[in-house]
């Protein structure tokens, strides 16, 4: 069995928070894993968007790409 990557563990954490609380704030340090080396804002946004789409979450960018809030999508 494969060991989960740090990104897998972060996704599990986000999913658990979204399920329990309806949203999850992801810090700048955690976003580094999601950005996967992207440095341009457009590419970083695409990384966030792709994760949100894959797991059926909404998202909000409260700062200037320094944090993100993943949210449960309305039914």
PDB file of N, CA and C in Angstrom:
ATOM      1  N   UNK A   1       0.844  -1.180   0.000  1.00  0.00           N
ATOM      2  CA  UNK A   1       0.000   0.000   0.000  1.00  0.00           C
ATOM      3  C   UNK A   1       0.893   1.249   0.000  1.00  0.00           C
ATOM      4  N   UNK A   2       0.525   2.217  -0.815  1.00  0.00           N
ATOM      5  CA  UNK A   2       1.304   3.446  -0.920  1.00  0.00           C
ATOM      6  C   UNK A   2       1.042   4.358   0.267  1.00  0.00           C
ATOM      7  N   UNK A   3       2.097   4.991   0.728  1.00  0.00           N
ATOM      8  CA  UNK A   3       1.970   5.975   1.800  1.00  0.00           C
ATOM      9  C   UNK A   3       1.379   7.256   1.213  1.00  0.00           C
ATOM     10  N   UNK A   4       0.479   7.923   1.954  1.00  0.00           N
ATOM     11  CA  UNK A   4      -0.075   9.175   1.442  1.00  0.00           C
ATOM     12  C   UNK A   4       0.997  10.259   1.380  1.00  0.00           C
ATOM     13  N   UNK A   5       0.927  11.076   0.353  1.00  0.00           N
ATOM     14  CA  UNK A   5       1.851  12.201   0.212  1.00  0.00           C
ATOM     15  C   UNK A   5       1.391  13.330   1.137  1.00  0.00           C
ATOM     16  N   UNK A   6       2.245  14.315   1.374  1.00  0.00           N
ATOM     17  CA  UNK A   6       1.803  15.467   2.164  1.00  0.00           C
ATOM     18  C   UNK A   6       0.574  16.150   1.551  1.00  0.00           C
ATOM     19  N   UNK A   7       0.496  16.188   0.223  1.00  0.00           N
ATOM     20  CA  UNK A   7      -0.685  16.772  -0.415  1.00  0.00           C
ATOM     21  C   UNK A   7      -1.920  15.925  -0.138  1.00  0.00           C
ATOM     22  N   UNK A   8      -1.786  14.600  -0.201  1.00  0.00           N
ATOM     23  CA  UNK A   8      -2.914  13.711   0.119  1.00  0.00           C
ATOM     24  C   UNK A   8      -3.404  13.967   1.543  1.00  0.00           C
ATOM     25  N   UNK A   9      -2.466  14.112   2.466  1.00  0.00           N
ATOM     26  CA  UNK A   9      -2.832  14.370   3.856  1.00  0.00           C
ATOM     27  C   UNK A   9      -3.527  15.724   4.011  1.00  0.00           C
ATOM     28  N   UNK A  10      -3.060  16.732   3.283  1.00  0.00           N
ATOM     29  CA  UNK A  10      -3.698  18.044   3.322  1.00  0.00           C
ATOM     30  C   UNK A  10      -5.112  17.965   2.759  1.00  0.00           C
ATOM     31  N   UNK A  11      -5.301  17.251   1.658  1.00  0.00           N
ATOM     32  CA  UNK A  11      -6.630  17.084   1.058  1.00  0.00           C
ATOM     33  C   UNK A  11      -7.568  16.396   2.040  1.00  0.00           C
ATOM     34  N   UNK A  12      -7.070  15.386   2.746  1.00  0.00           N
ATOM     35  CA  UNK A  12      -7.887  14.694   3.747  1.00  0.00           C
ATOM     36  C   UNK A  12      -8.278  15.642   4.872  1.00  0.00           C
ATOM     37  N   UNK A  13      -7.341  16.472   5.305  1.00  0.00           N
ATOM     38  CA  UNK A  13      -7.613  17.453   6.359  1.00  0.00           C
ATOM     39  C   UNK A  13      -8.684  18.445   5.901  1.00  0.00           C
ATOM     40  N   UNK A  14      -8.509  18.962   4.690  1.00  0.00           N
ATOM     41  CA  UNK A  14      -9.476  19.915   4.154  1.00  0.00           C
ATOM     42  C   UNK A  14     -10.854  19.264   4.046  1.00  0.00           C
ATOM     43  N   UNK A  15     -10.896  18.064   3.487  1.00  0.00           N
ATOM     44  CA  UNK A  15     -12.166  17.347   3.340  1.00  0.00           C
ATOM     45  C   UNK A  15     -12.869  17.128   4.668  1.00  0.00           C
ATOM     46  N   UNK A  16     -12.102  16.772   5.690  1.00  0.00           N
ATOM     47  CA  UNK A  16     -12.682  16.567   7.015  1.00  0.00           C
ATOM     48  C   UNK A  16     -13.254  17.849   7.589  1.00  0.00           C
ATOM     49  N   UNK A  17     -12.515  18.952   7.442  1.00  0.00           N
ATOM     50  CA  UNK A  17     -12.989  20.244   7.939  1.00  0.00           C
ATOM     51  C   UNK A  17     -14.231  20.708   7.176  1.00  0.00           C
ATOM     52  N   UNK A  18     -14.207  20.559   5.867  1.00  0.00           N
ATOM     53  CA  UNK A  18     -15.357  20.962   5.057  1.00  0.00           C
ATOM     54  C   UNK A  18     -16.578  20.142   5.461  1.00  0.00           C
ATOM     55  N   UNK A  19     -16.394  18.853   5.676  1.00  0.00           N
ATOM     56  CA  UNK A  19     -17.504  17.984   6.076  1.00  0.00           C
ATOM     57  C   UNK A  19     -18.049  18.371   7.448  1.00  0.00           C
ATOM     58  N   UNK A  20     -17.151  18.602   8.409  1.00  0.00           N
ATOM     59  CA  UNK A  20     -17.581  18.893   9.784  1.00  0.00           C
ATOM     60  C   UNK A  20     -18.066  20.324   9.974  1.00  0.00           C
ATOM     61  N   UNK A  21     -17.360  21.285   9.384  1.00  0.00           N
ATOM     62  CA  UNK A  21     -17.627  22.689   9.673  1.00  0.00           C
ATOM     63  C   UNK A  21     -18.203  23.470   8.502  1.00  0.00           C
ATOM     64  N   UNK A  22     -18.159  22.887   7.321  1.00  0.00           N
ATOM     65  CA  UNK A  22     -18.661  23.569   6.140  1.00  0.00           C
ATOM     66  C   UNK A  22     -17.603  24.359   5.389  1.00  0.00           C
ATOM     67  N   UNK A  23     -16.416  24.542   6.012  1.00  0.00           N
ATOM     68  CA  UNK A  23     -15.328  25.260   5.342  1.00  0.00           C
ATOM     69  C   UNK A  23     -14.004  24.928   6.016  1.00  0.00           C
ATOM     70  N   UNK A  24     -12.915  25.271   5.322  1.00  0.00           N
ATOM     71  CA  UNK A  24     -11.574  25.048   5.860  1.00  0.00           C
ATOM     72  C   UNK A  24     -10.648  26.141   5.347  1.00  0.00           C
ATOM     73  N   UNK A  25     -10.013  26.848   6.251  1.00  0.00           N
ATOM     74  CA  UNK A  25      -9.026  27.861   5.900  1.00  0.00           C
ATOM     75  C   UNK A  25      -7.681  27.176   5.706  1.00  0.00           C
ATOM     76  N   UNK A  26      -7.086  27.387   4.548  1.00  0.00           N
ATOM     77  CA  UNK A  26      -5.779  26.813   4.230  1.00  0.00           C
ATOM     78  C   UNK A  26      -4.763  27.950   4.261  1.00  0.00           C
ATOM     79  N   UNK A  27      -3.740  27.784   5.073  1.00  0.00           N
ATOM     80  CA  UNK A  27      -2.736  28.829   5.267  1.00  0.00           C
ATOM     81  C   UNK A  27      -1.759  28.908   4.103  1.00  0.00           C
ATOM     82  N   UNK A  28      -0.983  29.965   4.108  1.00  0.00           N
ATOM     83  CA  UNK A  28       0.021  30.173   3.064  1.00  0.00           C
ATOM     84  C   UNK A  28       1.018  29.013   3.025  1.00  0.00           C
ATOM     85  N   UNK A  29       1.425  28.523   4.184  1.00  0.00           N
ATOM     86  CA  UNK A  29       2.367  27.403   4.228  1.00  0.00           C
ATOM     87  C   UNK A  29       1.768  26.145   3.601  1.00  0.00           C
ATOM     88  N   UNK A  30       0.493  25.900   3.848  1.00  0.00           N
ATOM     89  CA  UNK A  30      -0.164  24.726   3.276  1.00  0.00           C
ATOM     90  C   UNK A  30      -0.399  24.900   1.777  1.00  0.00           C
ATOM     91  N   UNK A  31      -0.624  26.134   1.354  1.00  0.00           N
ATOM     92  CA  UNK A  31      -0.858  26.383  -0.071  1.00  0.00           C
ATOM     93  C   UNK A  31       0.344  26.013  -0.927  1.00  0.00           C
ATOM     94  N   UNK A  32       1.529  26.043  -0.352  1.00  0.00           N
ATOM     95  CA  UNK A  32       2.733  25.676  -1.101  1.00  0.00           C
ATOM     96  C   UNK A  32       2.583  24.276  -1.702  1.00  0.00           C
ATOM     97  N   UNK A  33       1.962  23.365  -0.943  1.00  0.00           N
ATOM     98  CA  UNK A  33       1.754  22.009  -1.447  1.00  0.00           C
ATOM     99  C   UNK A  33       0.758  22.007  -2.607  1.00  0.00           C
ATOM    100  N   UNK A  34      -0.273  22.836  -2.507  1.00  0.00           N
ATOM    101  CA  UNK A  34      -1.285  22.902  -3.557  1.00  0.00           C
ATOM    102  C   UNK A  34      -0.716  23.552  -4.807  1.00  0.00           C
ATOM    103  N   UNK A  35       0.106  24.584  -4.644  1.00  0.00           N
ATOM    104  CA  UNK A  35       0.677  25.306  -5.782  1.00  0.00           C
ATOM    105  C   UNK A  35       1.640  24.451  -6.592  1.00  0.00           C
ATOM    106  N   UNK A  36       2.243  23.448  -5.998  1.00  0.00           N
ATOM    107  CA  UNK A  36       3.124  22.512  -6.697  1.00  0.00           C
ATOM    108  C   UNK A  36       4.180  23.233  -7.536  1.00  0.00           C
ATOM    109  N   UNK A  37       4.782  24.264  -6.941  1.00  0.00           N
ATOM    110  CA  UNK A  37       5.862  24.975  -7.605  1.00  0.00           C
ATOM    111  C   UNK A  37       5.435  26.133  -8.489  1.00  0.00           C
ATOM    112  N   UNK A  38       4.140  26.318  -8.700  1.00  0.00           N
ATOM    113  CA  UNK A  38       3.677  27.430  -9.547  1.00  0.00           C
ATOM    114  C   UNK A  38       4.019  28.755  -8.880  1.00  0.00           C
ATOM    115  N   UNK A  39       4.508  29.713  -9.660  1.00  0.00           N
ATOM    116  CA  UNK A  39       4.865  31.014  -9.109  1.00  0.00           C
ATOM    117  C   UNK A  39       3.973  32.134  -9.634  1.00  0.00           C
ATOM    118  N   UNK A  40       3.390  31.957 -10.800  1.00  0.00           N
ATOM    119  CA  UNK A  40       2.500  32.968 -11.359  1.00  0.00           C
ATOM    120  C   UNK A  40       1.120  32.843 -10.728  1.00  0.00           C
ATOM    121  N   UNK A  41       0.493  33.984 -10.444  1.00  0.00           N
ATOM    122  CA  UNK A  41      -0.827  33.964  -9.813  1.00  0.00           C
ATOM    123  C   UNK A  41      -1.846  33.172 -10.627  1.00  0.00           C
ATOM    124  N   UNK A  42      -1.821  33.296 -11.952  1.00  0.00           N
ATOM    125  CA  UNK A  42      -2.784  32.573 -12.791  1.00  0.00           C
ATOM    126  C   UNK A  42      -2.622  31.061 -12.633  1.00  0.00           C
ATOM    127  N   UNK A  43      -1.388  30.604 -12.564  1.00  0.00           N
ATOM    128  CA  UNK A  43      -1.146  29.164 -12.396  1.00  0.00           C
ATOM    129  C   UNK A  43      -1.509  28.710 -10.988  1.00  0.00           C
ATOM    130  N   UNK A  44      -1.246  29.551  -9.999  1.00  0.00           N
ATOM    131  CA  UNK A  44      -1.629  29.219  -8.625  1.00  0.00           C
ATOM    132  C   UNK A  44      -3.152  29.131  -8.513  1.00  0.00           C
ATOM    133  N   UNK A  45      -3.842  30.085  -9.122  1.00  0.00           N
ATOM    134  CA  UNK A  45      -5.301  30.063  -9.119  1.00  0.00           C
ATOM    135  C   UNK A  45      -5.801  28.775  -9.775  1.00  0.00           C
ATOM    136  N   UNK A  46      -5.189  28.381 -10.882  1.00  0.00           N
ATOM    137  CA  UNK A  46      -5.582  27.156 -11.575  1.00  0.00           C
ATOM    138  C   UNK A  46      -5.390  25.926 -10.685  1.00  0.00           C
ATOM    139  N   UNK A  47      -4.328  25.896  -9.890  1.00  0.00           N
ATOM    140  CA  UNK A  47      -4.091  24.773  -8.969  1.00  0.00           C
ATOM    141  C   UNK A  47      -5.200  24.692  -7.928  1.00  0.00           C
ATOM    142  N   UNK A  48      -5.575  25.847  -7.369  1.00  0.00           N
ATOM    143  CA  UNK A  48      -6.655  25.898  -6.375  1.00  0.00           C
ATOM    144  C   UNK A  48      -7.962  25.464  -7.023  1.00  0.00           C
ATOM    145  N   UNK A  49      -8.249  26.018  -8.190  1.00  0.00           N
ATOM    146  CA  UNK A  49      -9.473  25.683  -8.918  1.00  0.00           C
ATOM    147  C   UNK A  49      -9.560  24.190  -9.220  1.00  0.00           C
ATOM    148  N   UNK A  50      -8.447  23.608  -9.665  1.00  0.00           N
ATOM    149  CA  UNK A  50      -8.444  22.192 -10.011  1.00  0.00           C
ATOM    150  C   UNK A  50      -8.747  21.312  -8.804  1.00  0.00           C
ATOM    151  N   UNK A  51      -8.168  21.645  -7.661  1.00  0.00           N
ATOM    152  CA  UNK A  51      -8.444  20.867  -6.435  1.00  0.00           C
ATOM    153  C   UNK A  51      -9.914  21.022  -6.053  1.00  0.00           C
ATOM    154  N   UNK A  52     -10.409  22.253  -6.089  1.00  0.00           N
ATOM    155  CA  UNK A  52     -11.811  22.495  -5.724  1.00  0.00           C
ATOM    156  C   UNK A  52     -12.748  21.720  -6.647  1.00  0.00           C
ATOM    157  N   UNK A  53     -12.467  21.731  -7.926  1.00  0.00           N
ATOM    158  CA  UNK A  53     -13.325  21.008  -8.874  1.00  0.00           C
ATOM    159  C   UNK A  53     -13.261  19.500  -8.644  1.00  0.00           C
ATOM    160  N   UNK A  54     -12.060  18.996  -8.416  1.00  0.00           N
ATOM    161  CA  UNK A  54     -11.884  17.551  -8.232  1.00  0.00           C
ATOM    162  C   UNK A  54     -12.674  17.039  -7.038  1.00  0.00           C
ATOM    163  N   UNK A  55     -12.715  17.838  -5.962  1.00  0.00           N
ATOM    164  CA  UNK A  55     -13.368  17.382  -4.734  1.00  0.00           C
ATOM    165  C   UNK A  55     -14.727  18.028  -4.511  1.00  0.00           C
ATOM    166  N   UNK A  56     -15.213  18.767  -5.495  1.00  0.00           N
ATOM    167  CA  UNK A  56     -16.545  19.387  -5.445  1.00  0.00           C
ATOM    168  C   UNK A  56     -16.681  20.360  -4.277  1.00  0.00           C
ATOM    169  N   UNK A  57     -15.675  21.225  -4.141  1.00  0.00           N
ATOM    170  CA  UNK A  57     -15.687  22.275  -3.129  1.00  0.00           C
ATOM    171  C   UNK A  57     -15.762  23.622  -3.824  1.00  0.00           C
ATOM    172  N   UNK A  58     -16.329  24.593  -3.139  1.00  0.00           N
ATOM    173  CA  UNK A  58     -16.210  25.968  -3.571  1.00  0.00           C
ATOM    174  C   UNK A  58     -14.961  26.532  -2.910  1.00  0.00           C
ATOM    175  N   UNK A  59     -14.556  27.729  -3.302  1.00  0.00           N
ATOM    176  CA  UNK A  59     -13.416  28.335  -2.635  1.00  0.00           C
ATOM    177  C   UNK A  59     -13.518  29.848  -2.684  1.00  0.00           C
ATOM    178  N   UNK A  60     -12.846  30.453  -1.734  1.00  0.00           N
ATOM    179  CA  UNK A  60     -12.810  31.909  -1.605  1.00  0.00           C
ATOM    180  C   UNK A  60     -11.376  32.309  -1.319  1.00  0.00           C
ATOM    181  N   UNK A  61     -10.943  33.398  -1.909  1.00  0.00           N
ATOM    182  CA  UNK A  61      -9.593  33.910  -1.687  1.00  0.00           C
ATOM    183  C   UNK A  61      -9.705  35.198  -0.882  1.00  0.00           C
ATOM    184  N   UNK A  62      -9.629  35.113   0.459  1.00  0.00           N
ATOM    185  CA  UNK A  62      -9.817  36.305   1.282  1.00  0.00           C
ATOM    186  C   UNK A  62      -8.657  37.297   1.208  1.00  0.00           C
ATOM    187  N   UNK A  63      -7.466  36.835   0.890  1.00  0.00           N
ATOM    188  CA  UNK A  63      -6.296  37.710   0.783  1.00  0.00           C
ATOM    189  C   UNK A  63      -5.806  37.713  -0.650  1.00  0.00           C
ATOM    190  N   UNK A  64      -4.612  38.152  -0.849  1.00  0.00           N
ATOM    191  CA  UNK A  64      -4.029  38.155  -2.182  1.00  0.00           C
ATOM    192  C   UNK A  64      -3.259  36.857  -2.406  1.00  0.00           C
ATOM    193  N   UNK A  65      -3.977  35.772  -2.568  1.00  0.00           N
ATOM    194  CA  UNK A  65      -3.406  34.447  -2.803  1.00  0.00           C
ATOM    195  C   UNK A  65      -2.516  34.000  -1.635  1.00  0.00           C
ATOM    196  N   UNK A  66      -2.767  34.543  -0.445  1.00  0.00           N
ATOM    197  CA  UNK A  66      -1.977  34.139   0.727  1.00  0.00           C
ATOM    198  C   UNK A  66      -2.709  33.108   1.564  1.00  0.00           C
ATOM    199  N   UNK A  67      -3.996  32.951   1.339  1.00  0.00           N
ATOM    200  CA  UNK A  67      -4.773  31.911   2.001  1.00  0.00           C
ATOM    201  C   UNK A  67      -5.994  31.634   1.132  1.00  0.00           C
ATOM    202  N   UNK A  68      -6.610  30.516   1.382  1.00  0.00           N
ATOM    203  CA  UNK A  68      -7.824  30.156   0.648  1.00  0.00           C
ATOM    204  C   UNK A  68      -8.776  29.478   1.628  1.00  0.00           C
ATOM    205  N   UNK A  69     -10.054  29.685   1.423  1.00  0.00           N
ATOM    206  CA  UNK A  69     -11.073  29.001   2.206  1.00  0.00           C
ATOM    207  C   UNK A  69     -11.812  28.081   1.247  1.00  0.00           C
ATOM    208  N   UNK A  70     -11.681  26.783   1.479  1.00  0.00           N
ATOM    209  CA  UNK A  70     -12.468  25.814   0.714  1.00  0.00           C
ATOM    210  C   UNK A  70     -13.783  25.654   1.444  1.00  0.00           C
ATOM    211  N   UNK A  71     -14.876  25.568   0.662  1.00  0.00           N
ATOM    212  CA  UNK A  71     -16.211  25.521   1.252  1.00  0.00           C
ATOM    213  C   UNK A  71     -17.024  24.394   0.642  1.00  0.00           C
ATOM    214  N   UNK A  72     -18.001  23.972   1.426  1.00  0.00           N
ATOM    215  CA  UNK A  72     -18.956  23.001   0.942  1.00  0.00           C
ATOM    216  C   UNK A  72     -19.839  23.684  -0.105  1.00  0.00           C
ATOM    217  N   UNK A  73     -20.055  23.028  -1.221  1.00  0.00           N
ATOM    218  CA  UNK A  73     -20.934  23.598  -2.222  1.00  0.00           C
ATOM    219  C   UNK A  73     -22.391  23.425  -1.794  1.00  0.00           C
ATOM    220  N   UNK A  74     -23.230  24.404  -2.080  1.00  0.00           N
ATOM    221  CA  UNK A  74     -24.650  24.249  -1.733  1.00  0.00           C
ATOM    222  C   UNK A  74     -25.268  23.078  -2.505  1.00  0.00           C
ATOM    223  N   UNK A  75     -26.256  22.461  -1.905  1.00  0.00           N
ATOM    224  CA  UNK A  75     -26.916  21.304  -2.514  1.00  0.00           C
ATOM    225  C   UNK A  75     -27.716  21.714  -3.727  1.00  0.00           C
TER     226      UNK A  75
END
